[in-house]
PDB file of N, CA and C in Angstrom:
ATOM      1  N   MET A   1       0.547  -1.190   0.043  1.00  0.00           N
ATOM      2  CA  MET A   1      -0.226   0.092   0.099  1.00  0.00           C
ATOM      3  C   MET A   1       1.140   1.163  -0.042  1.00  0.00           C
ATOM      4  N   ARG A   2       0.266   2.140  -0.823  1.00  0.00           N
ATOM      5  CA  ARG A   2       1.305   3.248  -1.132  1.00  0.00           C
ATOM      6  C   ARG A   2       0.878   4.552  -0.095  1.00  0.00           C
ATOM      7  N   PRO A   3       1.805   5.322   0.856  1.00  0.00           N
ATOM      8  CA  PRO A   3       1.227   6.030   1.677  1.00  0.00           C
ATOM      9  C   PRO A   3       0.540   7.053   1.053  1.00  0.00           C
ATOM     10  N   ARG A   4      -0.449   7.995   2.132  1.00  0.00           N
ATOM     11  CA  ARG A   4      -1.145   9.254   1.178  1.00  0.00           C
ATOM     12  C   ARG A   4      -0.907  10.290   1.704  1.00  0.00           C
ATOM     13  N   PRO A   5      -0.406  11.361   1.441  1.00  0.00           N
ATOM     14  CA  PRO A   5       0.047  12.671   2.272  1.00  0.00           C
ATOM     15  C   PRO A   5      -1.751  13.418   2.450  1.00  0.00           C
ATOM     16  N   SER A   6      -1.739  14.008   3.181  1.00  0.00           N
ATOM     17  CA  SER A   6      -2.789  14.485   3.855  1.00  0.00           C
ATOM     18  C   SER A   6      -3.939  15.541   2.736  1.00  0.00           C
ATOM     19  N   TRP A   7      -2.707  16.031   2.163  1.00  0.00           N
ATOM     20  CA  TRP A   7      -3.331  16.588   0.893  1.00  0.00           C
ATOM     21  C   TRP A   7      -3.650  16.569  -0.688  1.00  0.00           C
ATOM     22  N   ALA A   8      -3.610  15.263  -0.571  1.00  0.00           N
ATOM     23  CA  ALA A   8      -3.983  13.613  -1.486  1.00  0.00           C
ATOM     24  C   ALA A   8      -5.447  13.915  -1.682  1.00  0.00           C
ATOM     25  N   GLY A   9      -5.868  14.407  -2.942  1.00  0.00           N
ATOM     26  CA  GLY A   9      -6.999  13.844  -3.595  1.00  0.00           C
ATOM     27  C   GLY A   9      -7.730  12.575  -4.054  1.00  0.00           C
ATOM     28  N   LYS A  10      -8.881  12.385  -4.413  1.00  0.00           N
ATOM     29  CA  LYS A  10      -8.994  11.157  -4.077  1.00  0.00           C
ATOM     30  C   LYS A  10      -8.672  10.423  -5.825  1.00  0.00           C
ATOM     31  N   TYR A  11      -8.637  11.812  -6.432  1.00  0.00           N
ATOM     32  CA  TYR A  11      -8.027  11.546  -8.017  1.00  0.00           C
ATOM     33  C   TYR A  11      -6.554  11.747  -8.461  1.00  0.00           C
ATOM     34  N   ASP A  12      -6.304  12.360  -7.345  1.00  0.00           N
ATOM     35  CA  ASP A  12      -5.026  12.081  -7.430  1.00  0.00           C
ATOM     36  C   ASP A  12      -3.970  10.709  -8.193  1.00  0.00           C
ATOM     37  N   ASP A  13      -4.196   9.653  -7.213  1.00  0.00           N
ATOM     38  CA  ASP A  13      -3.600   8.429  -7.905  1.00  0.00           C
ATOM     39  C   ASP A  13      -3.785   7.850  -9.176  1.00  0.00           C
ATOM     40  N   PRO A  14      -5.533   8.571  -9.475  1.00  0.00           N
ATOM     41  CA  PRO A  14      -5.468   8.055 -10.913  1.00  0.00           C
ATOM     42  C   PRO A  14      -5.399   8.424 -12.284  1.00  0.00           C
ATOM     43  N   ILE A  15      -5.053  10.028 -11.641  1.00  0.00           N
ATOM     44  CA  ILE A  15      -4.392  10.687 -12.681  1.00  0.00           C
ATOM     45  C   ILE A  15      -2.783  10.641 -12.812  1.00  0.00           C
ATOM     46  N   LEU A  16      -2.014  10.181 -11.755  1.00  0.00           N
ATOM     47  CA  LEU A  16      -0.514   9.888 -11.682  1.00  0.00           C
ATOM     48  C   LEU A  16      -0.567   8.663 -12.250  1.00  0.00           C
ATOM     49  N   GLU A  17      -1.656   7.357 -12.421  1.00  0.00           N
ATOM     50  CA  GLU A  17      -1.391   6.311 -13.005  1.00  0.00           C
ATOM     51  C   GLU A  17      -1.393   6.371 -14.380  1.00  0.00           C
ATOM     52  N   PHE A  18      -2.616   7.069 -14.947  1.00  0.00           N
ATOM     53  CA  PHE A  18      -2.781   7.284 -16.126  1.00  0.00           C
ATOM     54  C   PHE A  18      -1.556   7.764 -17.055  1.00  0.00           C
ATOM     55  N   LEU A  19      -1.022   8.757 -16.656  1.00  0.00           N
ATOM     56  CA  LEU A  19       0.558   9.691 -17.041  1.00  0.00           C
ATOM     57  C   LEU A  19       1.228   8.152 -17.246  1.00  0.00           C
ATOM     58  N   ALA A  20       1.670   8.027 -15.852  1.00  0.00           N
ATOM     59  CA  ALA A  20       2.733   6.474 -16.269  1.00  0.00           C
ATOM     60  C   ALA A  20       2.293   5.910 -17.768  1.00  0.00           C
ATOM     61  N   ASP A  21       1.273   5.389 -16.892  1.00  0.00           N
ATOM     62  CA  ASP A  21       0.890   4.210 -18.099  1.00  0.00           C
ATOM     63  C   ASP A  21       0.837   4.688 -19.478  1.00  0.00           C
ATOM     64  N   THR A  22       0.512   6.224 -19.615  1.00  0.00           N
ATOM     65  CA  THR A  22       0.629   6.494 -21.164  1.00  0.00           C
ATOM     66  C   THR A  22       2.103   6.638 -21.184  1.00  0.00           C
ATOM     67  N   ASN A  23       2.771   7.093 -20.574  1.00  0.00           N
ATOM     68  CA  ASN A  23       3.672   7.655 -20.489  1.00  0.00           C
ATOM     69  C   ASN A  23       4.543   8.540 -21.468  1.00  0.00           C
ATOM     70  N   ALA A  24       3.056   9.774 -21.239  1.00  0.00           N
ATOM     71  CA  ALA A  24       3.279  10.849 -22.009  1.00  0.00           C
ATOM     72  C   ALA A  24       3.208  12.095 -21.693  1.00  0.00           C
ATOM     73  N   ALA A  25       3.550  13.229 -21.690  1.00  0.00           N
ATOM     74  CA  ALA A  25       2.892  14.316 -21.377  1.00  0.00           C
ATOM     75  C   ALA A  25       1.912  15.351 -21.863  1.00  0.00           C
ATOM     76  N   LEU A  26       0.867  15.173 -21.401  1.00  0.00           N
ATOM     77  CA  LEU A  26      -0.537  16.074 -21.654  1.00  0.00           C
ATOM     78  C   LEU A  26      -1.030  16.907 -21.365  1.00  0.00           C
ATOM     79  N   PRO A  27      -1.930  17.687 -21.476  1.00  0.00           N
ATOM     80  CA  PRO A  27      -3.124  18.792 -20.633  1.00  0.00           C
ATOM     81  C   PRO A  27      -3.923  18.313 -20.273  1.00  0.00           C
ATOM     82  N   PRO A  28      -4.250  19.073 -19.121  1.00  0.00           N
ATOM     83  CA  PRO A  28      -5.420  18.590 -17.803  1.00  0.00           C
ATOM     84  C   PRO A  28      -6.943  18.542 -18.971  1.00  0.00           C
ATOM     85  N   ALA A  29      -6.754  18.796 -19.757  1.00  0.00           N
ATOM     86  CA  ALA A  29      -8.446  18.627 -20.740  1.00  0.00           C
ATOM     87  C   ALA A  29      -8.095  16.902 -21.076  1.00  0.00           C
ATOM     88  N   VAL A  30      -6.799  16.667 -21.907  1.00  0.00           N
ATOM     89  CA  VAL A  30      -6.969  15.149 -22.441  1.00  0.00           C
ATOM     90  C   VAL A  30      -6.978  14.805 -21.261  1.00  0.00           C
ATOM     91  N   VAL A  31      -5.963  14.244 -20.350  1.00  0.00           N
ATOM     92  CA  VAL A  31      -6.226  13.363 -19.127  1.00  0.00           C
ATOM     93  C   VAL A  31      -7.992  13.381 -18.234  1.00  0.00           C
ATOM     94  N   ALA A  32      -8.361  14.512 -18.357  1.00  0.00           N
ATOM     95  CA  ALA A  32      -9.615  14.519 -17.981  1.00  0.00           C
ATOM     96  C   ALA A  32     -10.650  13.792 -18.956  1.00  0.00           C
ATOM     97  N   PHE A  33     -10.479  14.266 -19.795  1.00  0.00           N
ATOM     98  CA  PHE A  33     -11.303  12.957 -20.625  1.00  0.00           C
ATOM     99  C   PHE A  33     -11.265  11.500 -21.036  1.00  0.00           C
ATOM    100  N   ASN A  34      -9.729  11.378 -21.072  1.00  0.00           N
ATOM    101  CA  ASN A  34      -9.642   9.672 -21.103  1.00  0.00           C
ATOM    102  C   ASN A  34     -10.062   9.168 -19.831  1.00  0.00           C
ATOM    103  N   LEU A  35     -10.293   9.959 -18.528  1.00  0.00           N
ATOM    104  CA  LEU A  35     -10.041   9.328 -17.237  1.00  0.00           C
ATOM    105  C   LEU A  35     -11.340   9.393 -17.474  1.00  0.00           C
ATOM    106  N   GLU A  36     -12.558   9.824 -18.157  1.00  0.00           N
ATOM    107  CA  GLU A  36     -13.438   8.999 -18.155  1.00  0.00           C
ATOM    108  C   GLU A  36     -13.911   8.456 -18.745  1.00  0.00           C
ATOM    109  N   TRP A  37     -13.282   8.809 -20.202  1.00  0.00           N
ATOM    110  CA  TRP A  37     -13.647   7.632 -21.493  1.00  0.00           C
ATOM    111  C   TRP A  37     -13.463   6.432 -21.474  1.00  0.00           C
ATOM    112  N   GLN A  38     -12.164   6.313 -20.599  1.00  0.00           N
ATOM    113  CA  GLN A  38     -11.495   4.535 -20.262  1.00  0.00           C
ATOM    114  C   GLN A  38     -12.744   4.444 -18.760  1.00  0.00           C
ATOM    115  N   ASN A  39     -13.853   5.592 -18.376  1.00  0.00           N
ATOM    116  CA  ASN A  39     -14.423   4.476 -17.398  1.00  0.00           C
ATOM    117  C   ASN A  39     -13.397   4.545 -16.232  1.00  0.00           C
ATOM    118  N   ILE A  40     -12.035   5.310 -15.868  1.00  0.00           N
ATOM    119  CA  ILE A  40     -11.720   5.229 -14.400  1.00  0.00           C
ATOM    120  C   ILE A  40     -12.014   5.427 -13.129  1.00  0.00           C
ATOM    121  N   VAL A  41     -12.533   6.729 -13.767  1.00  0.00           N
ATOM    122  CA  VAL A  41     -13.429   8.222 -12.931  1.00  0.00           C
ATOM    123  C   VAL A  41     -14.048   9.094 -13.794  1.00  0.00           C
ATOM    124  N   SER A  42     -14.333   9.559 -13.141  1.00  0.00           N
ATOM    125  CA  SER A  42     -14.839  10.864 -13.485  1.00  0.00           C
ATOM    126  C   SER A  42     -14.942  12.240 -13.272  1.00  0.00           C
ATOM    127  N   PRO A  43     -13.857  12.806 -13.173  1.00  0.00           N
ATOM    128  CA  PRO A  43     -13.491  13.943 -12.665  1.00  0.00           C
ATOM    129  C   PRO A  43     -14.006  15.404 -13.154  1.00  0.00           C
ATOM    130  N   ALA A  44     -14.253  16.474 -13.057  1.00  0.00           N
ATOM    131  CA  ALA A  44     -14.268  17.618 -13.803  1.00  0.00           C
ATOM    132  C   ALA A  44     -13.058  17.679 -14.214  1.00  0.00           C
ATOM    133  N   TYR A  45     -12.966  18.713 -15.585  1.00  0.00           N
ATOM    134  CA  TYR A  45     -12.125  19.336 -16.273  1.00  0.00           C
ATOM    135  C   TYR A  45     -11.147  19.732 -14.878  1.00  0.00           C
ATOM    136  N   SER A  46     -12.022  20.574 -14.023  1.00  0.00           N
ATOM    137  CA  SER A  46     -11.328  22.028 -13.270  1.00  0.00           C
ATOM    138  C   SER A  46     -10.896  21.382 -12.253  1.00  0.00           C
ATOM    139  N   THR A  47     -10.926  20.354 -11.710  1.00  0.00           N
ATOM    140  CA  THR A  47     -10.677  18.774 -11.055  1.00  0.00           C
ATOM    141  C   THR A  47      -9.643  18.829 -11.199  1.00  0.00           C
ATOM    142  N   VAL A  48      -9.278  18.034 -12.511  1.00  0.00           N
ATOM    143  CA  VAL A  48      -8.334  17.408 -12.799  1.00  0.00           C
ATOM    144  C   VAL A  48      -6.778  18.486 -13.151  1.00  0.00           C
ATOM    145  N   LYS A  49      -7.150  19.634 -13.590  1.00  0.00           N
ATOM    146  CA  LYS A  49      -6.063  20.969 -13.758  1.00  0.00           C
ATOM    147  C   LYS A  49      -5.866  21.668 -12.308  1.00  0.00           C
ATOM    148  N   ARG A  50      -6.812  21.125 -11.161  1.00  0.00           N
ATOM    149  CA  ARG A  50      -6.408  22.200  -9.899  1.00  0.00           C
ATOM    150  C   ARG A  50      -5.381  21.094  -9.394  1.00  0.00           C
ATOM    151  N   ARG A  51      -5.840  19.497  -9.326  1.00  0.00           N
ATOM    152  CA  ARG A  51      -4.817  18.349  -8.911  1.00  0.00           C
ATOM    153  C   ARG A  51      -3.929  18.536  -9.719  1.00  0.00           C
ATOM    154  N   MET A  52      -3.311  18.754 -10.991  1.00  0.00           N
ATOM    155  CA  MET A  52      -2.239  18.266 -11.874  1.00  0.00           C
ATOM    156  C   MET A  52      -1.422  19.788 -11.269  1.00  0.00           C
ATOM    157  N   ARG A  53      -2.234  20.829 -11.076  1.00  0.00           N
ATOM    158  CA  ARG A  53      -0.855  21.592 -10.738  1.00  0.00           C
ATOM    159  C   ARG A  53      -0.980  21.744  -8.628  1.00  0.00           C
ATOM    160  N   LYS A  54      -1.578  20.980  -8.203  1.00  0.00           N
ATOM    161  CA  LYS A  54      -0.723  20.353  -6.760  1.00  0.00           C
ATOM    162  C   LYS A  54       0.248  19.308  -7.258  1.00  0.00           C
ATOM    163  N   LEU A  55      -0.193  18.133  -7.587  1.00  0.00           N
ATOM    164  CA  LEU A  55       1.297  17.399  -7.918  1.00  0.00           C
ATOM    165  C   LEU A  55       1.942  17.937  -8.530  1.00  0.00           C
ATOM    166  N   THR A  56       2.323  19.067  -9.401  1.00  0.00           N
ATOM    167  CA  THR A  56       3.463  19.499  -9.738  1.00  0.00           C
ATOM    168  C   THR A  56       4.232  20.270  -8.823  1.00  0.00           C
ATOM    169  N   THR A  57       2.865  20.639  -7.728  1.00  0.00           N
ATOM    170  CA  THR A  57       3.896  21.898  -6.159  1.00  0.00           C
ATOM    171  C   THR A  57       4.615  21.214  -5.648  1.00  0.00           C
ATOM    172  N   HIS A  58       4.003  19.556  -5.598  1.00  0.00           N
ATOM    173  CA  HIS A  58       4.719  18.457  -4.667  1.00  0.00           C
ATOM    174  C   HIS A  58       5.739  17.778  -5.752  1.00  0.00           C
ATOM    175  N   GLY A  59       6.050  17.810  -6.544  1.00  0.00           N
ATOM    176  CA  GLY A  59       7.329  17.220  -7.619  1.00  0.00           C
ATOM    177  C   GLY A  59       6.744  16.019  -8.172  1.00  0.00           C
ATOM    178  N   LEU A  60       5.512  15.180  -8.095  1.00  0.00           N
ATOM    179  CA  LEU A  60       5.220  14.084  -8.518  1.00  0.00           C
ATOM    180  C   LEU A  60       4.360  14.546 -10.094  1.00  0.00           C
ATOM    181  N   LEU A  61       4.648  15.485 -10.476  1.00  0.00           N
ATOM    182  CA  LEU A  61       4.413  15.511 -11.673  1.00  0.00           C
ATOM    183  C   LEU A  61       5.176  16.610 -11.997  1.00  0.00           C
ATOM    184  N   GLU A  62       5.669  17.101 -13.300  1.00  0.00           N
ATOM    185  CA  GLU A  62       6.266  18.237 -13.815  1.00  0.00           C
ATOM    186  C   GLU A  62       5.589  19.159 -15.360  1.00  0.00           C
ATOM    187  N   LYS A  63       5.618  20.684 -15.345  1.00  0.00           N
ATOM    188  CA  LYS A  63       5.021  21.060 -16.520  1.00  0.00           C
ATOM    189  C   LYS A  63       6.364  21.266 -17.224  1.00  0.00           C
ATOM    190  N   VAL A  64       6.492  20.665 -18.944  1.00  0.00           N
ATOM    191  CA  VAL A  64       7.189  20.182 -19.393  1.00  0.00           C
ATOM    192  C   VAL A  64       6.758  21.146 -20.681  1.00  0.00           C
ATOM    193  N   ASP A  65       5.214  22.069 -20.877  1.00  0.00           N
ATOM    194  CA  ASP A  65       5.419  22.872 -21.453  1.00  0.00           C
ATOM    195  C   ASP A  65       4.553  23.951 -21.058  1.00  0.00           C
ATOM    196  N   GLN A  66       5.463  25.106 -20.812  1.00  0.00           N
ATOM    197  CA  GLN A  66       4.209  26.421 -19.907  1.00  0.00           C
ATOM    198  C   GLN A  66       3.314  26.883 -20.987  1.00  0.00           C
ATOM    199  N   GLU A  67       3.412  27.134 -22.373  1.00  0.00           N
ATOM    200  CA  GLU A  67       2.770  27.339 -23.091  1.00  0.00           C
ATOM    201  C   GLU A  67       1.357  26.801 -22.788  1.00  0.00           C
ATOM    202  N   ALA A  68       1.698  25.526 -23.369  1.00  0.00           N
ATOM    203  CA  ALA A  68       0.593  24.526 -24.097  1.00  0.00           C
ATOM    204  C   ALA A  68      -0.154  23.987 -22.265  1.00  0.00           C
ATOM    205  N   GLY A  69       1.055  24.016 -21.815  1.00  0.00           N
ATOM    206  CA  GLY A  69       0.445  23.401 -19.870  1.00  0.00           C
ATOM    207  C   GLY A  69       0.130  21.846 -20.404  1.00  0.00           C
ATOM    208  N   TYR A  70       1.374  21.052 -20.583  1.00  0.00           N
ATOM    209  CA  TYR A  70       1.547  20.218 -20.790  1.00  0.00           C
ATOM    210  C   TYR A  70       2.541  19.383 -19.734  1.00  0.00           C
ATOM    211  N   TYR A  71       1.996  18.383 -19.120  1.00  0.00           N
ATOM    212  CA  TYR A  71       2.324  17.665 -17.397  1.00  0.00           C
ATOM    213  C   TYR A  71       2.713  16.459 -17.856  1.00  0.00           C
ATOM    214  N   ALA A  72       4.043  15.905 -17.214  1.00  0.00           N
ATOM    215  CA  ALA A  72       4.346  14.744 -17.425  1.00  0.00           C
ATOM    216  C   ALA A  72       4.748  14.083 -15.618  1.00  0.00           C
ATOM    217  N   ILE A  73       4.503  12.102 -15.659  1.00  0.00           N
ATOM    218  CA  ILE A  73       5.037  12.215 -14.338  1.00  0.00           C
ATOM    219  C   ILE A  73       6.474  12.121 -14.025  1.00  0.00           C
ATOM    220  N   THR A  74       6.683  12.290 -12.674  1.00  0.00           N
ATOM    221  CA  THR A  74       7.939  12.885 -12.849  1.00  0.00           C
ATOM    222  C   THR A  74       8.406  11.193 -11.919  1.00  0.00           C
ATOM    223  N   ASP A  75      10.433  10.920 -12.369  1.00  0.00           N
ATOM    224  CA  ASP A  75      10.753  10.255 -10.785  1.00  0.00           C
ATOM    225  C   ASP A  75      10.127   9.912  -9.476  1.00  0.00           C
ATOM    226  N   LYS A  76       9.426  10.864  -9.380  1.00  0.00           N
ATOM    227  CA  LYS A  76       9.091  11.350  -7.786  1.00  0.00           C
ATOM    228  C   LYS A  76       7.885  10.589  -7.763  1.00  0.00           C
ATOM    229  N   GLY A  77       7.293  10.961  -8.500  1.00  0.00           N
ATOM    230  CA  GLY A  77       5.657  10.355  -9.209  1.00  0.00           C
ATOM    231  C   GLY A  77       5.635   8.953  -9.465  1.00  0.00           C
ATOM    232  N   ARG A  78       6.565   8.610 -10.439  1.00  0.00           N
ATOM    233  CA  ARG A  78       6.411   6.635 -10.246  1.00  0.00           C
ATOM    234  C   ARG A  78       7.161   5.984  -8.693  1.00  0.00           C
ATOM    235  N   ALA A  79       8.093   7.280  -7.737  1.00  0.00           N
ATOM    236  CA  ALA A  79       8.792   6.671  -6.725  1.00  0.00           C
ATOM    237  C   ALA A  79       7.119   6.607  -5.882  1.00  0.00           C
ATOM    238  N   TYR A  80       6.367   7.332  -5.833  1.00  0.00           N
ATOM    239  CA  TYR A  80       5.287   7.585  -4.787  1.00  0.00           C
ATOM    240  C   TYR A  80       4.627   6.095  -5.461  1.00  0.00           C
ATOM    241  N   LEU A  81       3.995   6.210  -6.729  1.00  0.00           N
ATOM    242  CA  LEU A  81       3.133   4.930  -7.275  1.00  0.00           C
ATOM    243  C   LEU A  81       3.702   3.373  -6.548  1.00  0.00           C
ATOM    244  N   ALA A  82       4.734   3.103  -7.124  1.00  0.00           N
ATOM    245  CA  ALA A  82       5.844   2.326  -6.778  1.00  0.00           C
ATOM    246  C   ALA A  82       5.359   2.103  -5.162  1.00  0.00           C
ATOM    247  N   GLY A  83       5.097   3.037  -3.924  1.00  0.00           N
ATOM    248  CA  GLY A  83       5.338   3.066  -3.007  1.00  0.00           C
ATOM    249  C   GLY A  83       6.380   2.901  -2.385  1.00  0.00           C
ATOM    250  N   ASP A  84       7.384   3.835  -2.748  1.00  0.00           N
ATOM    251  CA  ASP A  84       8.634   3.485  -2.741  1.00  0.00           C
ATOM    252  C   ASP A  84       8.918   4.806  -1.799  1.00  0.00           C
ATOM    253  N   LEU A  85       8.267   5.970  -1.765  1.00  0.00           N
ATOM    254  CA  LEU A  85       8.123   7.133  -0.815  1.00  0.00           C
ATOM    255  C   LEU A  85       7.436   7.025   0.354  1.00  0.00           C
ATOM    256  N   ASP A  86       8.062   7.824   1.328  1.00  0.00           N
ATOM    257  CA  ASP A  86       8.130   7.896   2.591  1.00  0.00           C
ATOM    258  C   ASP A  86       6.926   9.556   2.988  1.00  0.00           C
ATOM    259  N   ALA A  87       5.821   8.354   3.796  1.00  0.00           N
ATOM    260  CA  ALA A  87       4.530   9.219   3.754  1.00  0.00           C
ATOM    261  C   ALA A  87       4.964  10.464   4.129  1.00  0.00           C
ATOM    262  N   GLU A  88       5.652  10.535   5.557  1.00  0.00           N
ATOM    263  CA  GLU A  88       6.284  11.790   5.985  1.00  0.00           C
ATOM    264  C   GLU A  88       7.118  12.986   5.145  1.00  0.00           C
ATOM    265  N   ALA A  89       8.016  12.378   3.988  1.00  0.00           N
ATOM    266  CA  ALA A  89       8.311  13.413   2.920  1.00  0.00           C
ATOM    267  C   ALA A  89       7.988  14.003   2.124  1.00  0.00           C
ATOM    268  N   LEU A  90       6.037  13.422   1.646  1.00  0.00           N
ATOM    269  CA  LEU A  90       5.714  13.706   0.784  1.00  0.00           C
ATOM    270  C   LEU A  90       4.640  14.748   1.344  1.00  0.00           C
ATOM    271  N   GLU A  91       4.600  14.903   2.834  1.00  0.00           N
ATOM    272  CA  GLU A  91       3.658  16.563   3.440  1.00  0.00           C
ATOM    273  C   GLU A  91       4.242  17.322   3.584  1.00  0.00           C
ATOM    274  N   ASN A  92       5.255  17.701   3.571  1.00  0.00           N
ATOM    275  CA  ASN A  92       6.042  18.848   3.459  1.00  0.00           C
ATOM    276  C   ASN A  92       6.675  19.116   2.270  1.00  0.00           C
ATOM    277  N   ASP A  93       6.786  18.740   1.398  1.00  0.00           N
ATOM    278  CA  ASP A  93       7.727  18.897   0.344  1.00  0.00           C
ATOM    279  C   ASP A  93       7.091  19.520  -0.797  1.00  0.00           C
ATOM    280  N   GLU A  94       6.064  20.838  -0.793  1.00  0.00           N
ATOM    281  CA  GLU A  94       6.175  21.452  -1.967  1.00  0.00           C
ATOM    282  C   GLU A  94       7.437  22.534  -1.758  1.00  0.00           C
ATOM    283  N   GLU A  95       7.623  22.345  -3.591  1.00  0.00           N
ATOM    284  CA  GLU A  95       8.449  22.903  -4.355  1.00  0.00           C
ATOM    285  C   GLU A  95       8.893  24.444  -4.229  1.00  0.00           C
TER     286      GLU A  95
END
């Protein structure tokens, strides 16, 4: 079981898992569409956009294109999914 920081939202894991599975850099609108289309979860676009920004502040995602708003999972994000990060390290790690 992976550690879940107190700031984590219910859509954070599906967002991270989707980006890890696709191994792609994608904008929030595409992530939101695919999460619903593939019957994974059905978050609103605004929720996905907000959560992706939050995941970026904690280093689990990175914004790889500032203008177009494309995000990719980081090595830290992959370590989180694998359960290799200490929960305490995730609590106060805003960059």
